[in-house]
Amino acid sequence: MEPSEQFEQRVSEDNATPELVDFIRIRMVEMRFSIRMLKAATPNIRKSRLHSIVHPDPSKRRPMRMDEGKAICAALGISQWEAAFGCELLEGELNDRPEEAGNLAAFMATLFAGLAPRLATAVVSISGLDLSDVKPEHGHQIQDLVLDGFEKGYEDLVRRKGLRLGRNEE
């Protein structure tokens, strides 16, 4: 059974919004992590409790406590950033493509980890600008700039990949 088929089985009849547990289950499938393996990696959580938290049927799941979520994510190598992005991506158009959501969440977690202090340093280094000048509404403009740079960077990557593989697409 493909991971995407397993994800389809997890969605309840009422089409509930995917949650952290759904992202955890995707990672478990990717890593081929069984409940027993997860139990070994999270000794403070009983096996029956783990099973009730990550049950394949969402209607049979028990709510996860914060400490349990942190322990399970740590055991699977899921950072807070990755968990947040993974849940957000599963709520959107990647709901039916969990493997891609996992890859993109890992990419975004790497992208954003440590970005805040670097942005603060960049703002301070611009003469005539200080942190009090930065406003929430500027976020959308900066987001557009980042997306433009992202698209250009990846277009260049695809072009160079094509040249390397002998397919000149210019």
Foldseek 3Di string as FASTA:
>chain_A
DDLLVLLVLQQAPVRDQDALLSLLVSLCVVVVPDLVNLCVQQVVADSVLSCQQNPSHVVSHDDDDPVRSVSSCVSSVHDPQLSVQLSVVCRDDCVSPSVVSNVVSVVVCVVPVVVVVVVQVVQVPDPPGHPVPDDPVCVVVVVVVVVVVVVVVVVVVVQVVCVVVPHRPD
